[in-house]
Amino acid sequence: MRWLLNLLTSTLGQKILMALTGLFLIMFLVVHLIGNLQLLHDDGGKAFNIYAEFMGNNPLIQIVSKVNFLLILIHAVWGIWLSIKNRKARGTVGYAITNKSSIWSSRNMGILGTLILVFLVVHIRHFYAEVHFFGGVDTITYGDDQVHNLYETVAFWFKKDWYVALYVVCMAALGFHLWHGFVSAFQTFGLNHVKYNPVINFVGKAYAVIVPALFAWIPIYMFFFD
């Protein structure tokens, strides 16, 4: 057990932990986006409600969901702690000198991560907690099946201009976070080769733009057109 503690407290171990949790969350974002895109169906929310009910009642998915929440917390808290630690270690002058050539997102991963974490707390409170803890979501019947009408809750919040603005700003922060984090995670595992770097960079940059943009488009569409 001591070797694990030594690994996690070492610089390499901290980078590995951030990379592992980051890659898991990258995969989770794709699954979550596929589900959220069901909101754009012109069916009064049926496709999204059925999807949400399946995800909320499948035991395996619920286990993965709990693990995901834990990984989000670890990734966010550890990332913020590392950012503070690195800033203190470098100092104001050293930080300015050593980072002139680095991109803005790589220098501000802690700030971006904090903004995303605050958004997640608000987002989980309004949706996940409302269903599982507060019982504030009505039900709707499709044939013989009665499911939570989570679409109604989503539509309610996506009609509030401040929430849509917050959502879009945080998706922009997520994009900047992924712009550096995606490629950095692969480099942590030694996948840094002149032959593969162009592909990893292209996929990483495309992911950092497309996924947050699609997430942001959903509340924009529902605010103006739904």
Foldseek 3Di string as FASTA:
>chain_A
DVVLVVLCPDPLSLLLLLLVLVVVVLVVLVVVLVLLVCLVDPPLCPSNQVVVQCCVPDVVSVVVVVVNVVSLVCNLVSVLVVLVVVCVVQDDVSLVVVCPPPDPLVNCLNVLSVLLVVLVVVVCVQQVCCVPPVVVFDWDDDPPDITTSSSVSVLVQLQDPVSLVSLLVNLLSQLSNQLPSQLSSCVSVVVDDPVCVVVSNVVSNCSSPPSSVSSSVSSVCSNPPD
